[in-house]
Amino acid sequence: MIAILLYYGWHRGKVIQLSSFVALATQGAAILTFTLVKNLSQSVLGTLLATAGGSFVCIAAPDLIQESHRSRGFSATGPRWLHSARLNSRFLAH
């Protein structure tokens, strides 16, 4: 994350501040999630894990598909939805 933000022109101090916040928020969210999830049924927990996994796939798919096309020599930019997803992910990085 740090390299991406620096590449897009963020100032180093702001990047370190944001990274520190994310690191602390991750630890806090992990403790909070552990306390909330330990009493859930397995079916609800499975649904939550499947939803989280699907979300990560949707976030990573545009970059992975683009890279696989590039490594095989395809020059097309891909489907329209892939291009818009890529633009949205770049917009959210700022």
C-alpha atoms as a PDB file:
ATOM      1  CA  MET A   1       0.000   0.000   0.000  1.00  0.00           C
ATOM      2  CA  ILE A   2       2.819   2.398   0.807  1.00  0.00           C
ATOM      3  CA  ALA A   3       4.472   2.043  -2.593  1.00  0.00           C
ATOM      4  CA  ILE A   4       1.172   2.562  -4.405  1.00  0.00           C
ATOM      5  CA  LEU A   5       0.343   5.723  -2.486  1.00  0.00           C
ATOM      6  CA  LEU A   6       3.832   7.126  -2.989  1.00  0.00           C
ATOM      7  CA  TYR A   7       3.610   6.309  -6.701  1.00  0.00           C
ATOM      8  CA  TYR A   8       0.382   8.303  -6.965  1.00  0.00           C
ATOM      9  CA  GLY A   9       2.012  11.344  -5.372  1.00  0.00           C
ATOM     10  CA  TRP A  10       0.983  11.171  -1.728  1.00  0.00           C
ATOM     11  CA  HIS A  11       3.390  12.807   0.713  1.00  0.00           C
ATOM     12  CA  ARG A  12       5.525  10.414   2.743  1.00  0.00           C
ATOM     13  CA  GLY A  13       4.290  11.712   6.112  1.00  0.00           C
ATOM     14  CA  LYS A  14       0.656  11.271   5.136  1.00  0.00           C
ATOM     15  CA  VAL A  15       1.374   7.745   3.857  1.00  0.00           C
ATOM     16  CA  ILE A  16       3.055   6.756   7.128  1.00  0.00           C
ATOM     17  CA  GLN A  17       0.195   8.254   9.112  1.00  0.00           C
ATOM     18  CA  LEU A  18      -2.405   6.376   7.059  1.00  0.00           C
ATOM     19  CA  SER A  19      -0.442   3.111   7.268  1.00  0.00           C
ATOM     20  CA  SER A  20      -0.150   3.441  11.032  1.00  0.00           C
ATOM     21  CA  PHE A  21      -3.885   4.056  11.338  1.00  0.00           C
ATOM     22  CA  VAL A  22      -4.653   1.005   9.181  1.00  0.00           C
ATOM     23  CA  ALA A  23      -2.314  -1.159  11.273  1.00  0.00           C
ATOM     24  CA  LEU A  24      -3.947  -0.073  14.540  1.00  0.00           C
ATOM     25  CA  ALA A  25      -7.467  -0.349  13.134  1.00  0.00           C
ATOM     26  CA  THR A  26      -6.727  -3.879  11.911  1.00  0.00           C
ATOM     27  CA  GLN A  27      -5.703  -5.005  15.375  1.00  0.00           C
ATOM     28  CA  GLY A  28      -8.730  -3.347  16.956  1.00  0.00           C
ATOM     29  CA  ALA A  29     -11.088  -4.862  14.397  1.00  0.00           C
ATOM     30  CA  ALA A  30      -9.558  -8.308  14.915  1.00  0.00           C
ATOM     31  CA  ILE A  31     -10.176  -8.152  18.677  1.00  0.00           C
ATOM     32  CA  LEU A  32     -13.699  -6.799  18.184  1.00  0.00           C
ATOM     33  CA  THR A  33     -14.507  -9.454  15.580  1.00  0.00           C
ATOM     34  CA  PHE A  34     -13.189 -12.233  17.805  1.00  0.00           C
ATOM     35  CA  THR A  35     -15.451 -11.161  20.652  1.00  0.00           C
ATOM     36  CA  LEU A  36     -18.510 -10.837  18.394  1.00  0.00           C
ATOM     37  CA  VAL A  37     -17.996 -13.991  16.315  1.00  0.00           C
ATOM     38  CA  LYS A  38     -17.249 -16.541  19.015  1.00  0.00           C
ATOM     39  CA  ASN A  39     -20.957 -16.938  19.847  1.00  0.00           C
ATOM     40  CA  LEU A  40     -22.262 -17.177  16.257  1.00  0.00           C
ATOM     41  CA  SER A  41     -23.576 -20.399  14.782  1.00  0.00           C
ATOM     42  CA  GLN A  42     -21.441 -22.172  12.196  1.00  0.00           C
ATOM     43  CA  SER A  43     -23.908 -21.491   9.387  1.00  0.00           C
ATOM     44  CA  VAL A  44     -23.863 -17.718  10.007  1.00  0.00           C
ATOM     45  CA  LEU A  45     -20.088 -17.738  10.360  1.00  0.00           C
ATOM     46  CA  GLY A  46     -19.761 -19.697   7.105  1.00  0.00           C
ATOM     47  CA  THR A  47     -21.965 -17.192   5.303  1.00  0.00           C
ATOM     48  CA  LEU A  48     -19.905 -14.283   6.611  1.00  0.00           C
ATOM     49  CA  LEU A  49     -16.641 -15.934   5.565  1.00  0.00           C
ATOM     50  CA  ALA A  50     -18.002 -16.724   2.095  1.00  0.00           C
ATOM     51  CA  THR A  51     -19.148 -13.119   1.665  1.00  0.00           C
ATOM     52  CA  ALA A  52     -15.763 -11.790   2.751  1.00  0.00           C
ATOM     53  CA  GLY A  53     -13.944 -14.172   0.405  1.00  0.00           C
ATOM     54  CA  GLY A  54     -16.175 -13.211  -2.504  1.00  0.00           C
ATOM     55  CA  SER A  55     -15.532  -9.548  -1.817  1.00  0.00           C
ATOM     56  CA  PHE A  56     -11.781 -10.078  -1.968  1.00  0.00           C
ATOM     57  CA  VAL A  57     -12.113 -11.952  -5.259  1.00  0.00           C
ATOM     58  CA  CYS A  58     -14.150  -9.072  -6.738  1.00  0.00           C
ATOM     59  CA  ILE A  59     -11.521  -6.578  -5.613  1.00  0.00           C
ATOM     60  CA  ALA A  60      -8.553  -8.582  -6.919  1.00  0.00           C
ATOM     61  CA  ALA A  61     -10.060  -9.944 -10.155  1.00  0.00           C
ATOM     62  CA  PRO A  62      -9.507  -6.862 -12.353  1.00  0.00           C
ATOM     63  CA  ASP A  63      -5.798  -6.713 -11.542  1.00  0.00           C
ATOM     64  CA  LEU A  64      -5.295 -10.477 -11.812  1.00  0.00           C
ATOM     65  CA  ILE A  65      -7.120 -10.748 -15.137  1.00  0.00           C
ATOM     66  CA  GLN A  66      -5.251  -7.766 -16.551  1.00  0.00           C
ATOM     67  CA  GLU A  67      -1.902  -9.234 -15.490  1.00  0.00           C
ATOM     68  CA  SER A  68      -2.702 -12.664 -16.926  1.00  0.00           C
ATOM     69  CA  HIS A  69      -3.648 -11.082 -20.257  1.00  0.00           C
ATOM     70  CA  ARG A  70      -0.474  -9.021 -20.263  1.00  0.00           C
ATOM     71  CA  SER A  71       1.708 -12.071 -19.543  1.00  0.00           C
ATOM     72  CA  ARG A  72       0.121 -13.954 -22.469  1.00  0.00           C
ATOM     73  CA  GLY A  73       0.614 -11.084 -24.893  1.00  0.00           C
ATOM     74  CA  PHE A  74      -2.997  -9.948 -25.263  1.00  0.00           C
ATOM     75  CA  SER A  75      -3.176  -6.249 -26.019  1.00  0.00           C
ATOM     76  CA  ALA A  76      -6.914  -5.715 -25.518  1.00  0.00           C
ATOM     77  CA  THR A  77      -7.992  -3.836 -22.428  1.00  0.00           C
ATOM     78  CA  GLY A  78     -10.672  -6.390 -21.648  1.00  0.00           C
ATOM     79  CA  PRO A  79     -14.402  -6.109 -21.112  1.00  0.00           C
ATOM     80  CA  ARG A  80     -15.998  -2.761 -20.332  1.00  0.00           C
ATOM     81  CA  TRP A  81     -16.914  -3.790 -16.753  1.00  0.00           C
ATOM     82  CA  LEU A  82     -13.283  -4.700 -16.086  1.00  0.00           C
ATOM     83  CA  HIS A  83     -12.074  -1.313 -17.277  1.00  0.00           C
ATOM     84  CA  SER A  84     -14.589   0.539 -15.104  1.00  0.00           C
ATOM     85  CA  ALA A  85     -13.686  -1.612 -12.091  1.00  0.00           C
ATOM     86  CA  ARG A  86     -10.015  -0.776 -12.630  1.00  0.00           C
ATOM     87  CA  LEU A  87     -10.800   2.936 -12.804  1.00  0.00           C
ATOM     88  CA  ASN A  88     -12.901   2.730  -9.640  1.00  0.00           C
ATOM     89  CA  SER A  89     -10.117   0.964  -7.736  1.00  0.00           C
ATOM     90  CA  ARG A  90      -7.625   3.656  -8.800  1.00  0.00           C
ATOM     91  CA  PHE A  91     -10.046   6.401  -7.817  1.00  0.00           C
ATOM     92  CA  LEU A  92     -10.517   4.869  -4.367  1.00  0.00           C
ATOM     93  CA  ALA A  93      -6.741   4.717  -3.853  1.00  0.00           C
ATOM     94  CA  HIS A  94      -6.606   8.531  -3.702  1.00  0.00           C
END
